[in-house]
Amino acid sequence: MDVGEEPISSIMERSVRTILEDSSVDIIMSGCVEGRISDLVVVDHDNRYSGMITSFEILSYINPFMGIHDGRKTMGHSLVVGDCPKASDIMNDIHLTASEDTTISKALKHMKRDHHSYLVVLDHEKKVIGRLNLCDILNYLDGKGIIPKSDVCPI
């Protein structure tokens, strides 16, 4: 089998930090701090993909004057009104996803076209089952001997 035709499910990271769409902002912030990550996958109660909360959404919530103002609730509004938004209020739902049987070559094309360094991997029921980083693909190709050793940068 051509390595580009290998399904991404065979090389993806299976551990994904998720948060429920009805989680409050304090739980979102705790999830990021505890996991030492800048983004969380938002899911419903059946673990189906809903969206992403990235550092941009968090910063936009804290400071509504950053980026494009989209009319969502902000920290200032929440403090005044006392109505803290949920994950579904501040998440974006446009982050790239791929099905578990997507090939490595197709995943790379999606990443290149949309300038994303990773994809959220979903099963056929749209449940989150993994995450595929560009580094996962590079490590796989390096392990197959496709990347010449002289081209691999030492860390």
N, C-alpha and C. Protein backbone atom coordinates (compact mmCIF):
# COMPACT_ATOMS: atom_id res chain seq x y z
N MET A 1 0.83 -1.19 0.00
CA MET A 1 0.00 0.00 0.00
C MET A 1 0.87 1.24 0.00
N ASP A 2 0.55 2.19 -0.84
CA ASP A 2 1.21 3.48 -0.88
C ASP A 2 0.99 4.18 0.47
N VAL A 3 2.06 4.74 1.05
CA VAL A 3 1.93 5.35 2.38
C VAL A 3 0.91 6.48 2.40
N GLY A 4 0.73 7.17 1.30
CA GLY A 4 -0.25 8.24 1.23
C GLY A 4 -1.68 7.74 1.29
N GLU A 5 -1.86 6.45 1.01
CA GLU A 5 -3.20 5.86 1.05
C GLU A 5 -3.54 5.23 2.39
N GLU A 6 -2.60 5.27 3.31
CA GLU A 6 -2.83 4.75 4.67
C GLU A 6 -3.89 5.62 5.36
N PRO A 7 -4.84 5.02 6.09
CA PRO A 7 -5.85 5.84 6.78
C PRO A 7 -5.23 6.57 7.97
N ILE A 8 -5.70 7.78 8.21
CA ILE A 8 -5.14 8.58 9.30
C ILE A 8 -5.41 7.95 10.67
N SER A 9 -6.41 7.10 10.76
CA SER A 9 -6.71 6.45 12.04
C SER A 9 -5.55 5.58 12.51
N SER A 10 -4.68 5.17 11.60
CA SER A 10 -3.56 4.31 11.99
C SER A 10 -2.39 5.10 12.59
N ILE A 11 -2.38 6.42 12.43
CA ILE A 11 -1.26 7.21 12.95
C ILE A 11 -1.70 8.36 13.85
N MET A 12 -3.00 8.58 14.01
CA MET A 12 -3.50 9.71 14.78
C MET A 12 -3.24 9.52 16.28
N GLU A 13 -3.27 10.62 16.99
CA GLU A 13 -3.20 10.61 18.44
C GLU A 13 -4.61 10.33 18.96
N ARG A 14 -4.75 9.33 19.80
CA ARG A 14 -6.09 8.94 20.26
C ARG A 14 -6.53 9.70 21.51
N SER A 15 -5.61 10.32 22.19
CA SER A 15 -5.94 11.09 23.38
C SER A 15 -6.28 12.52 22.97
N VAL A 16 -7.53 12.91 23.18
CA VAL A 16 -7.98 14.25 22.79
C VAL A 16 -8.63 14.90 23.99
N ARG A 17 -8.23 16.11 24.27
CA ARG A 17 -8.82 16.87 25.38
C ARG A 17 -10.13 17.47 24.89
N THR A 18 -11.25 17.04 25.49
CA THR A 18 -12.56 17.55 25.07
C THR A 18 -13.24 18.24 26.25
N ILE A 19 -14.25 19.03 25.91
CA ILE A 19 -15.06 19.71 26.90
C ILE A 19 -16.49 19.72 26.39
N LEU A 20 -17.44 19.58 27.30
CA LEU A 20 -18.84 19.58 26.90
C LEU A 20 -19.30 20.97 26.48
N GLU A 21 -20.20 21.03 25.51
CA GLU A 21 -20.66 22.31 24.97
C GLU A 21 -21.39 23.17 25.98
N ASP A 22 -21.89 22.59 27.07
CA ASP A 22 -22.57 23.39 28.09
C ASP A 22 -21.65 23.73 29.27
N SER A 23 -20.34 23.51 29.12
CA SER A 23 -19.37 23.86 30.16
C SER A 23 -19.21 25.36 30.25
N SER A 24 -19.01 25.84 31.47
CA SER A 24 -18.83 27.28 31.68
C SER A 24 -17.39 27.68 31.39
N VAL A 25 -17.17 28.99 31.29
CA VAL A 25 -15.85 29.51 30.93
C VAL A 25 -14.81 29.14 31.98
N ASP A 26 -15.17 29.11 33.25
CA ASP A 26 -14.18 28.74 34.27
C ASP A 26 -13.71 27.30 34.09
N ILE A 27 -14.59 26.41 33.66
CA ILE A 27 -14.20 25.02 33.39
C ILE A 27 -13.33 24.96 32.14
N ILE A 28 -13.65 25.78 31.15
CA ILE A 28 -12.83 25.85 29.93
C ILE A 28 -11.41 26.28 30.28
N MET A 29 -11.30 27.35 31.07
CA MET A 29 -9.98 27.86 31.44
C MET A 29 -9.22 26.82 32.26
N SER A 30 -9.90 26.15 33.18
CA SER A 30 -9.25 25.10 33.99
C SER A 30 -8.76 23.97 33.09
N GLY A 31 -9.57 23.59 32.09
CA GLY A 31 -9.18 22.53 31.16
C GLY A 31 -7.93 22.87 30.40
N CYS A 32 -7.82 24.13 29.99
CA CYS A 32 -6.62 24.56 29.26
C CYS A 32 -5.40 24.58 30.18
N VAL A 33 -5.57 25.09 31.38
CA VAL A 33 -4.45 25.19 32.31
C VAL A 33 -3.98 23.79 32.73
N GLU A 34 -4.92 22.93 33.13
CA GLU A 34 -4.57 21.58 33.57
C GLU A 34 -3.90 20.77 32.47
N GLY A 35 -4.40 20.90 31.25
CA GLY A 35 -3.84 20.14 30.14
C GLY A 35 -2.67 20.82 29.48
N ARG A 36 -2.35 22.05 29.92
CA ARG A 36 -1.27 22.86 29.31
C ARG A 36 -1.45 22.94 27.80
N ILE A 37 -2.69 23.26 27.41
CA ILE A 37 -3.02 23.36 25.99
C ILE A 37 -3.73 24.67 25.73
N SER A 38 -3.73 25.08 24.47
CA SER A 38 -4.36 26.35 24.11
C SER A 38 -5.68 26.16 23.38
N ASP A 39 -6.11 24.92 23.20
CA ASP A 39 -7.39 24.71 22.53
C ASP A 39 -8.04 23.43 23.01
N LEU A 40 -9.36 23.43 22.93
CA LEU A 40 -10.16 22.29 23.38
C LEU A 40 -11.18 21.93 22.32
N VAL A 41 -11.43 20.65 22.15
CA VAL A 41 -12.48 20.17 21.25
C VAL A 41 -13.78 20.17 22.05
N VAL A 42 -14.81 20.79 21.48
CA VAL A 42 -16.11 20.87 22.14
C VAL A 42 -17.00 19.77 21.60
N VAL A 43 -17.62 19.02 22.53
CA VAL A 43 -18.48 17.89 22.15
C VAL A 43 -19.82 17.99 22.87
N ASP A 44 -20.82 17.27 22.32
CA ASP A 44 -22.10 17.17 23.01
C ASP A 44 -22.02 16.00 24.00
N HIS A 45 -23.12 15.68 24.66
CA HIS A 45 -23.10 14.63 25.68
C HIS A 45 -22.91 13.22 25.11
N ASP A 46 -23.00 13.08 23.79
CA ASP A 46 -22.73 11.79 23.14
C ASP A 46 -21.35 11.74 22.52
N ASN A 47 -20.49 12.71 22.86
CA ASN A 47 -19.12 12.83 22.35
C ASN A 47 -19.08 13.14 20.86
N ARG A 48 -20.14 13.73 20.33
CA ARG A 48 -20.16 14.17 18.92
C ARG A 48 -19.55 15.57 18.83
N TYR A 49 -18.77 15.77 17.79
CA TYR A 49 -18.07 17.04 17.57
C TYR A 49 -19.04 18.20 17.42
N SER A 50 -18.77 19.28 18.16
CA SER A 50 -19.56 20.51 18.05
C SER A 50 -18.72 21.66 17.51
N GLY A 51 -17.47 21.75 17.95
CA GLY A 51 -16.61 22.85 17.54
C GLY A 51 -15.30 22.86 18.30
N MET A 52 -14.61 24.01 18.23
CA MET A 52 -13.30 24.18 18.88
C MET A 52 -13.31 25.48 19.67
N ILE A 53 -12.58 25.45 20.76
CA ILE A 53 -12.27 26.68 21.47
C ILE A 53 -10.75 26.79 21.43
N THR A 54 -10.27 27.79 20.71
CA THR A 54 -8.83 28.02 20.59
C THR A 54 -8.46 29.21 21.46
N SER A 55 -7.17 29.48 21.53
CA SER A 55 -6.72 30.64 22.30
C SER A 55 -7.33 31.92 21.76
N PHE A 56 -7.64 31.97 20.47
CA PHE A 56 -8.26 33.17 19.90
C PHE A 56 -9.65 33.41 20.49
N GLU A 57 -10.46 32.34 20.61
CA GLU A 57 -11.79 32.50 21.20
C GLU A 57 -11.69 32.92 22.66
N ILE A 58 -10.72 32.36 23.37
CA ILE A 58 -10.55 32.72 24.78
C ILE A 58 -10.13 34.18 24.90
N LEU A 59 -9.15 34.60 24.09
CA LEU A 59 -8.71 36.00 24.13
C LEU A 59 -9.82 36.96 23.69
N SER A 60 -10.61 36.57 22.72
CA SER A 60 -11.72 37.40 22.27
C SER A 60 -12.77 37.55 23.36
N TYR A 61 -12.95 36.50 24.15
CA TYR A 61 -13.88 36.56 25.27
C TYR A 61 -13.37 37.53 26.34
N ILE A 62 -12.06 37.45 26.62
CA ILE A 62 -11.47 38.33 27.63
C ILE A 62 -11.42 39.77 27.14
N ASN A 63 -11.02 39.97 25.88
CA ASN A 63 -10.89 41.31 25.33
C ASN A 63 -11.63 41.37 24.00
N PRO A 64 -12.84 41.90 23.97
CA PRO A 64 -13.65 41.90 22.75
C PRO A 64 -13.10 42.79 21.63
N PHE A 65 -12.08 43.58 21.94
CA PHE A 65 -11.54 44.47 20.92
C PHE A 65 -10.44 43.82 20.10
N MET A 66 -10.12 42.57 20.43
CA MET A 66 -9.14 41.82 19.65
C MET A 66 -9.85 41.17 18.48
N GLY A 67 -9.23 41.15 17.34
CA GLY A 67 -9.79 40.42 16.20
C GLY A 67 -11.08 41.04 15.72
N ILE A 68 -11.95 40.22 15.18
CA ILE A 68 -13.21 40.68 14.61
C ILE A 68 -14.29 40.56 15.67
N HIS A 69 -14.99 41.66 15.91
CA HIS A 69 -16.08 41.63 16.89
C HIS A 69 -17.27 40.93 16.26
N ASP A 70 -17.75 39.90 16.94
CA ASP A 70 -18.82 39.11 16.35
C ASP A 70 -20.12 39.16 17.15
N GLY A 71 -20.18 40.02 18.16
CA GLY A 71 -21.42 40.17 18.91
C GLY A 71 -21.66 39.10 19.97
N ARG A 72 -20.69 38.21 20.17
CA ARG A 72 -20.85 37.18 21.20
C ARG A 72 -20.68 37.81 22.58
N LYS A 73 -21.09 37.08 23.60
CA LYS A 73 -20.92 37.54 24.98
C LYS A 73 -19.42 37.68 25.26
N THR A 74 -19.08 38.65 26.06
CA THR A 74 -17.69 38.87 26.44
C THR A 74 -17.59 38.86 27.96
N MET A 75 -16.36 38.87 28.45
CA MET A 75 -16.16 38.87 29.89
C MET A 75 -16.80 40.11 30.51
N GLY A 76 -16.62 41.28 29.88
CA GLY A 76 -17.21 42.51 30.42
C GLY A 76 -18.72 42.38 30.53
N HIS A 77 -19.36 41.87 29.49
CA HIS A 77 -20.81 41.67 29.50
C HIS A 77 -21.19 40.68 30.60
N SER A 78 -20.43 39.62 30.73
CA SER A 78 -20.74 38.59 31.72
C SER A 78 -20.63 39.13 33.14
N LEU A 79 -19.62 39.97 33.40
CA LEU A 79 -19.45 40.53 34.74
C LEU A 79 -20.58 41.48 35.08
N VAL A 80 -21.02 42.28 34.12
CA VAL A 80 -22.08 43.25 34.35
C VAL A 80 -23.43 42.56 34.50
N VAL A 81 -23.72 41.64 33.60
CA VAL A 81 -25.02 40.98 33.58
C VAL A 81 -25.06 39.75 34.49
N GLY A 82 -23.89 39.18 34.79
CA GLY A 82 -23.84 37.98 35.61
C GLY A 82 -24.25 36.73 34.86
N ASP A 83 -24.08 36.75 33.55
CA ASP A 83 -24.50 35.63 32.70
C ASP A 83 -23.27 35.09 31.98
N CYS A 84 -22.63 34.11 32.57
CA CYS A 84 -21.41 33.56 32.00
C CYS A 84 -21.74 32.66 30.81
N PRO A 85 -21.11 32.89 29.66
CA PRO A 85 -21.39 32.05 28.49
C PRO A 85 -20.88 30.63 28.65
N LYS A 86 -21.43 29.75 27.87
CA LYS A 86 -21.03 28.35 27.84
C LYS A 86 -20.07 28.14 26.67
N ALA A 87 -19.47 26.97 26.62
CA ALA A 87 -18.53 26.65 25.54
C ALA A 87 -19.17 26.85 24.17
N SER A 88 -20.44 26.45 24.04
CA SER A 88 -21.12 26.58 22.75
C SER A 88 -21.31 28.04 22.33
N ASP A 89 -21.27 28.98 23.29
CA ASP A 89 -21.41 30.40 22.98
C ASP A 89 -20.15 31.00 22.38
N ILE A 90 -18.98 30.47 22.77
CA ILE A 90 -17.74 31.10 22.32
C ILE A 90 -16.93 30.23 21.36
N MET A 91 -17.33 28.99 21.15
CA MET A 91 -16.58 28.09 20.25
C MET A 91 -16.72 28.52 18.79
N ASN A 92 -15.80 28.04 17.96
CA ASN A 92 -15.98 28.18 16.51
C ASN A 92 -16.29 26.79 15.99
N ASP A 93 -17.10 26.73 14.97
CA ASP A 93 -17.48 25.41 14.43
C ASP A 93 -16.92 25.18 13.04
N ILE A 94 -15.88 25.94 12.68
CA ILE A 94 -15.32 25.82 11.34
C ILE A 94 -13.97 25.11 11.29
N HIS A 95 -13.48 24.65 12.45
CA HIS A 95 -12.19 23.96 12.44
C HIS A 95 -12.29 22.68 11.61
N LEU A 96 -11.19 22.33 10.98
CA LEU A 96 -11.19 21.16 10.11
C LEU A 96 -11.32 19.85 10.85
N THR A 97 -12.17 19.01 10.31
CA THR A 97 -12.32 17.65 10.81
C THR A 97 -12.09 16.70 9.64
N ALA A 98 -11.85 15.45 9.97
CA ALA A 98 -11.68 14.42 8.94
C ALA A 98 -12.24 13.12 9.49
N SER A 99 -12.71 12.28 8.60
CA SER A 99 -13.21 10.98 9.04
C SER A 99 -12.02 10.04 9.25
N GLU A 100 -12.24 9.01 10.04
CA GLU A 100 -11.17 8.09 10.40
C GLU A 100 -10.57 7.36 9.22
N ASP A 101 -11.30 7.24 8.12
CA ASP A 101 -10.77 6.54 6.94
C ASP A 101 -10.18 7.47 5.89
N THR A 102 -10.06 8.76 6.21
CA THR A 102 -9.39 9.71 5.32
C THR A 102 -7.94 9.27 5.16
N THR A 103 -7.42 9.36 3.95
CA THR A 103 -6.03 8.96 3.71
C THR A 103 -5.07 10.07 4.16
N ILE A 104 -3.84 9.67 4.40
CA ILE A 104 -2.81 10.64 4.80
C ILE A 104 -2.64 11.71 3.73
N SER A 105 -2.61 11.33 2.46
CA SER A 105 -2.41 12.32 1.40
C SER A 105 -3.59 13.31 1.35
N LYS A 106 -4.80 12.83 1.55
CA LYS A 106 -5.96 13.72 1.54
C LYS A 106 -5.93 14.66 2.76
N ALA A 107 -5.52 14.14 3.90
CA ALA A 107 -5.40 14.97 5.11
C ALA A 107 -4.38 16.08 4.91
N LEU A 108 -3.24 15.72 4.30
CA LEU A 108 -2.21 16.73 4.03
C LEU A 108 -2.73 17.82 3.10
N LYS A 109 -3.50 17.44 2.10
CA LYS A 109 -4.07 18.43 1.18
C LYS A 109 -5.02 19.38 1.90
N HIS A 110 -5.85 18.83 2.79
CA HIS A 110 -6.75 19.68 3.58
C HIS A 110 -5.96 20.64 4.46
N MET A 111 -4.94 20.12 5.13
CA MET A 111 -4.13 20.95 6.02
C MET A 111 -3.45 22.08 5.24
N LYS A 112 -2.91 21.75 4.08
CA LYS A 112 -2.22 22.75 3.26
C LYS A 112 -3.20 23.80 2.75
N ARG A 113 -4.31 23.35 2.20
CA ARG A 113 -5.28 24.27 1.62
C ARG A 113 -5.83 25.26 2.66
N ASP A 114 -6.13 24.76 3.84
CA ASP A 114 -6.78 25.59 4.85
C ASP A 114 -5.84 26.10 5.94
N HIS A 115 -4.54 25.86 5.77
CA HIS A 115 -3.52 26.36 6.70
C HIS A 115 -3.77 25.93 8.14
N HIS A 116 -4.09 24.65 8.34
CA HIS A 116 -4.25 24.08 9.68
C HIS A 116 -3.15 23.07 9.90
N SER A 117 -2.61 23.04 11.10
CA SER A 117 -1.54 22.09 11.39
C SER A 117 -2.06 20.80 12.02
N TYR A 118 -3.37 20.75 12.26
CA TYR A 118 -3.93 19.51 12.77
C TYR A 118 -5.41 19.39 12.40
N LEU A 119 -5.91 18.17 12.46
CA LEU A 119 -7.32 17.87 12.18
C LEU A 119 -7.90 17.12 13.37
N VAL A 120 -9.19 17.34 13.63
CA VAL A 120 -9.91 16.54 14.61
C VAL A 120 -10.49 15.36 13.83
N VAL A 121 -10.26 14.14 14.32
CA VAL A 121 -10.68 12.93 13.61
C VAL A 121 -11.99 12.42 14.21
N LEU A 122 -12.96 12.18 13.33
CA LEU A 122 -14.28 11.74 13.74
C LEU A 122 -14.59 10.36 13.17
N ASP A 123 -15.39 9.59 13.91
CA ASP A 123 -15.85 8.32 13.36
C ASP A 123 -17.09 8.59 12.49
N HIS A 124 -17.74 7.55 12.02
CA HIS A 124 -18.87 7.73 11.10
C HIS A 124 -20.12 8.29 11.77
N GLU A 125 -20.12 8.32 13.11
CA GLU A 125 -21.23 8.92 13.84
C GLU A 125 -20.90 10.35 14.29
N LYS A 126 -19.79 10.90 13.78
CA LYS A 126 -19.31 12.25 14.12
C LYS A 126 -18.81 12.36 15.56
N LYS A 127 -18.45 11.21 16.15
CA LYS A 127 -17.88 11.21 17.49
C LYS A 127 -16.37 11.43 17.39
N VAL A 128 -15.83 12.18 18.32
CA VAL A 128 -14.40 12.49 18.33
C VAL A 128 -13.63 11.25 18.77
N ILE A 129 -12.71 10.81 17.90
CA ILE A 129 -11.90 9.63 18.23
C ILE A 129 -10.40 9.91 18.21
N GLY A 130 -10.00 11.10 17.77
CA GLY A 130 -8.57 11.38 17.73
C GLY A 130 -8.26 12.75 17.17
N ARG A 131 -6.96 12.96 17.04
CA ARG A 131 -6.44 14.22 16.52
C ARG A 131 -5.20 13.87 15.71
N LEU A 132 -5.09 14.47 14.54
CA LEU A 132 -3.94 14.22 13.68
C LEU A 132 -3.17 15.52 13.51
N ASN A 133 -1.93 15.52 13.99
CA ASN A 133 -1.04 16.67 13.84
C ASN A 133 -0.12 16.46 12.65
N LEU A 134 0.35 17.55 12.10
CA LEU A 134 1.33 17.48 11.02
C LEU A 134 2.56 16.70 11.49
N CYS A 135 2.93 16.86 12.74
CA CYS A 135 4.09 16.12 13.28
C CYS A 135 3.85 14.61 13.29
N ASP A 136 2.59 14.18 13.50
CA ASP A 136 2.27 12.75 13.44
C ASP A 136 2.59 12.20 12.05
N ILE A 137 2.23 12.97 11.03
CA ILE A 137 2.48 12.55 9.65
C ILE A 137 3.98 12.54 9.36
N LEU A 138 4.68 13.58 9.78
CA LEU A 138 6.13 13.64 9.55
C LEU A 138 6.86 12.50 10.26
N ASN A 139 6.46 12.20 11.48
CA ASN A 139 7.08 11.08 12.20
C ASN A 139 6.82 9.75 11.50
N TYR A 140 5.61 9.58 10.99
CA TYR A 140 5.26 8.37 10.27
C TYR A 140 6.11 8.23 9.01
N LEU A 141 6.22 9.32 8.24
CA LEU A 141 7.01 9.30 7.01
C LEU A 141 8.48 9.08 7.31
N ASP A 142 8.96 9.67 8.38
CA ASP A 142 10.35 9.48 8.78
C ASP A 142 10.59 8.02 9.16
N GLY A 143 9.65 7.42 9.90
CA GLY A 143 9.76 6.02 10.29
C GLY A 143 9.74 5.07 9.11
N LYS A 144 9.09 5.47 8.03
CA LYS A 144 9.04 4.66 6.81
C LYS A 144 10.27 4.89 5.92
N GLY A 145 11.14 5.82 6.34
CA GLY A 145 12.34 6.10 5.56
C GLY A 145 12.08 6.99 4.36
N ILE A 146 10.94 7.64 4.33
CA ILE A 146 10.60 8.49 3.18
C ILE A 146 11.28 9.84 3.27
N ILE A 147 11.55 10.32 4.48
CA ILE A 147 12.27 11.57 4.66
C ILE A 147 13.74 11.20 4.86
N PRO A 148 14.62 11.62 3.96
CA PRO A 148 16.04 11.30 4.13
C PRO A 148 16.59 11.86 5.44
N LYS A 149 17.41 11.10 6.10
CA LYS A 149 17.94 11.49 7.42
C LYS A 149 18.63 12.86 7.38
N SER A 150 19.27 13.20 6.27
CA SER A 150 19.95 14.49 6.19
C SER A 150 18.97 15.66 6.19
N ASP A 151 17.70 15.39 5.88
CA ASP A 151 16.69 16.45 5.83
C ASP A 151 15.95 16.63 7.16
N VAL A 152 16.15 15.74 8.10
CA VAL A 152 15.46 15.84 9.38
C VAL A 152 16.28 16.75 10.30
N CYS A 153 15.64 17.76 10.81
CA CYS A 153 16.33 18.72 11.69
C CYS A 153 16.51 18.13 13.07
N PRO A 154 17.69 18.22 13.65
CA PRO A 154 17.86 17.76 15.04
C PRO A 154 17.18 18.74 15.98
N ILE A 155 16.65 18.21 17.05
CA ILE A 155 15.97 19.08 18.02
C ILE A 155 16.88 19.40 19.16
